């Protein structure tokens, strides 16, 4: 089971995180999310435990407890939703993008998708067809 660990101190390393959770069971992976440009911790990470029982034990045992001076926020990780994805990231569905003429391009990048299709609009007013 994957666990979200938030409110991490900038001083916490992945090794620190792994060590803190190891007392509750086998840690399969521990990752701290970092800013792409600066490499600084974003203050949260994800831990994969080998069993659901161990993961629930971590949540009960560490939520609200301090690690390097910060009270941790520990809970079950939620899957990333389509709306939380990156701009331009393939989501497997259809989307709409506005153009500067008020029309929309319907984007279909799924299987058999042909790219974009202009659906009309003039003077800032969109018109569906």
Protein backbone atom coordinates (compact mmCIF):
# COMPACT_ATOMS: atom_id res chain seq x y z
CA UNK A 1 0.00 0.00 0.00
CA UNK A 2 1.27 3.46 -0.89
CA UNK A 3 1.36 6.14 1.81
CA UNK A 4 1.55 9.92 1.53
CA UNK A 5 3.85 11.62 4.04
CA UNK A 6 3.48 15.40 4.20
CA UNK A 7 4.90 18.33 6.15
CA UNK A 8 8.44 17.00 5.85
CA UNK A 9 11.30 19.16 7.05
CA UNK A 10 13.77 20.28 4.39
CA UNK A 11 16.38 18.31 6.37
CA UNK A 12 14.65 14.93 5.96
CA UNK A 13 16.31 12.58 3.47
CA UNK A 14 14.84 9.48 1.86
CA UNK A 15 17.07 7.41 4.18
CA UNK A 16 15.60 9.26 7.21
CA UNK A 17 12.08 8.61 5.96
CA UNK A 18 12.81 4.93 5.32
CA UNK A 19 14.34 4.55 8.81
CA UNK A 20 11.36 6.23 10.52
CA UNK A 21 8.90 3.89 8.82
CA UNK A 22 10.96 0.69 9.08
CA UNK A 23 9.88 0.22 12.69
CA UNK A 24 6.37 -0.53 11.36
CA UNK A 25 7.34 -3.10 8.73
CA UNK A 26 9.13 -3.60 5.43
CA UNK A 27 9.54 -0.40 3.40
CA UNK A 28 9.61 -1.27 -0.30
CA UNK A 29 10.37 2.28 -1.45
CA UNK A 30 10.60 5.79 -0.04
CA UNK A 31 10.64 8.85 -2.29
CA UNK A 32 10.69 12.54 -1.40
CA UNK A 33 9.25 14.74 -4.14
CA UNK A 34 11.69 17.46 -5.20
CA UNK A 35 11.50 20.59 -7.30
CA UNK A 36 12.85 19.89 -10.79
CA UNK A 37 14.82 23.10 -11.07
CA UNK A 38 16.25 23.59 -7.58
CA UNK A 39 16.34 19.99 -6.36
CA UNK A 40 14.84 21.15 -3.04
CA UNK A 41 12.29 18.99 -1.24
CA UNK A 42 8.68 20.02 -1.81
CA UNK A 43 7.94 18.87 1.75
CA UNK A 44 6.16 15.62 0.94
CA UNK A 45 6.85 12.14 -0.28
CA UNK A 46 5.48 8.67 -0.85
CA UNK A 47 6.31 5.38 0.80
CA UNK A 48 5.35 1.92 -0.44
CA UNK A 49 4.91 -0.62 2.35
CA UNK A 50 4.91 -4.36 1.68
CA UNK A 51 1.44 -4.92 3.18
CA UNK A 52 -1.74 -3.00 3.88
CA UNK A 53 -1.54 -3.93 7.58
CA UNK A 54 1.95 -2.40 7.83
CA UNK A 55 0.81 0.71 5.98
CA UNK A 56 -2.15 1.19 8.33
CA UNK A 57 0.23 0.73 11.25
CA UNK A 58 2.45 3.52 9.86
CA UNK A 59 -0.54 5.84 9.45
CA UNK A 60 -1.73 5.18 13.01
CA UNK A 61 1.77 5.37 14.48
CA UNK A 62 3.26 8.39 12.71
CA UNK A 63 0.43 10.76 11.79
CA UNK A 64 0.98 13.87 13.93
CA UNK A 65 4.36 12.66 15.25
CA UNK A 66 7.49 14.76 14.79
CA UNK A 67 10.38 13.99 12.48
CA UNK A 68 13.24 16.51 12.57
CA UNK A 69 11.04 19.14 14.22
CA UNK A 70 7.96 18.88 11.99
CA UNK A 71 4.67 17.12 12.80
CA UNK A 72 4.04 14.65 9.98
CA UNK A 73 0.83 14.37 7.99
CA UNK A 74 0.56 10.66 7.13
CA UNK A 75 -2.32 9.03 5.24
CA UNK A 76 -3.13 6.65 2.41
CA UNK A 77 -1.98 8.01 -0.93
CA UNK A 78 -4.75 8.86 -3.38
CA UNK A 79 -4.35 8.19 -7.09
CA UNK A 80 -3.66 11.21 -9.26
CA UNK A 81 -6.85 12.37 -10.98
CA UNK A 82 -7.01 13.52 -14.58
CA UNK A 83 -7.51 17.15 -13.50
CA UNK A 84 -4.35 17.01 -11.36
CA UNK A 85 -2.20 15.83 -14.29
CA UNK A 86 0.35 17.99 -16.05
CA UNK A 87 -0.67 20.30 -18.87
CA UNK A 88 -0.22 18.47 -22.14
CA UNK A 89 0.04 15.10 -20.43
CA UNK A 90 -1.78 12.27 -22.20
CA UNK A 91 -4.88 11.45 -20.24
CA UNK A 92 -6.51 8.99 -22.61
CA UNK A 93 -9.61 11.10 -23.12
CA UNK A 94 -10.91 14.10 -24.99
CA UNK A 95 -10.22 17.68 -24.01
CA UNK A 96 -11.07 21.14 -25.30
CA UNK A 97 -8.65 23.93 -26.04
CA UNK A 98 -9.73 27.48 -26.85
CA UNK A 99 -8.23 29.32 -29.78
CA UNK A 100 -7.88 33.09 -30.19
CA UNK A 101 -11.01 33.27 -32.38
CA UNK A 102 -13.39 32.00 -29.70
CA UNK A 103 -13.75 28.53 -31.19
CA UNK A 104 -12.57 25.31 -29.68
CA UNK A 105 -10.45 22.47 -30.84
CA UNK A 106 -11.66 19.12 -29.67
CA UNK A 107 -8.60 17.07 -28.85
CA UNK A 108 -8.80 13.31 -29.20
CA UNK A 109 -5.52 11.56 -28.54
CA UNK A 110 -6.97 8.20 -27.63
CA UNK A 111 -6.87 5.14 -29.87
CA UNK A 112 -7.86 6.17 -33.39
CA UNK A 113 -7.71 9.86 -32.47
CA UNK A 114 -6.89 12.18 -35.32
CA UNK A 115 -5.59 15.16 -33.38
CA UNK A 116 -7.69 18.30 -33.47
CA UNK A 117 -10.90 19.49 -35.04
CA UNK A 118 -12.08 23.13 -35.22
CA UNK A 119 -15.65 23.45 -34.05
CA UNK A 120 -16.39 27.07 -34.94
CA UNK A 121 -16.63 30.49 -33.36
CA UNK A 122 -16.18 34.13 -34.28
CA UNK A 123 -15.60 37.33 -32.40
CA UNK A 124 -14.90 35.63 -29.11
CA UNK A 125 -18.15 33.63 -29.13
CA UNK A 126 -17.77 29.85 -29.29
CA UNK A 127 -20.27 27.87 -31.34
CA UNK A 128 -20.58 24.12 -31.09
CA UNK A 129 -21.34 22.09 -34.22
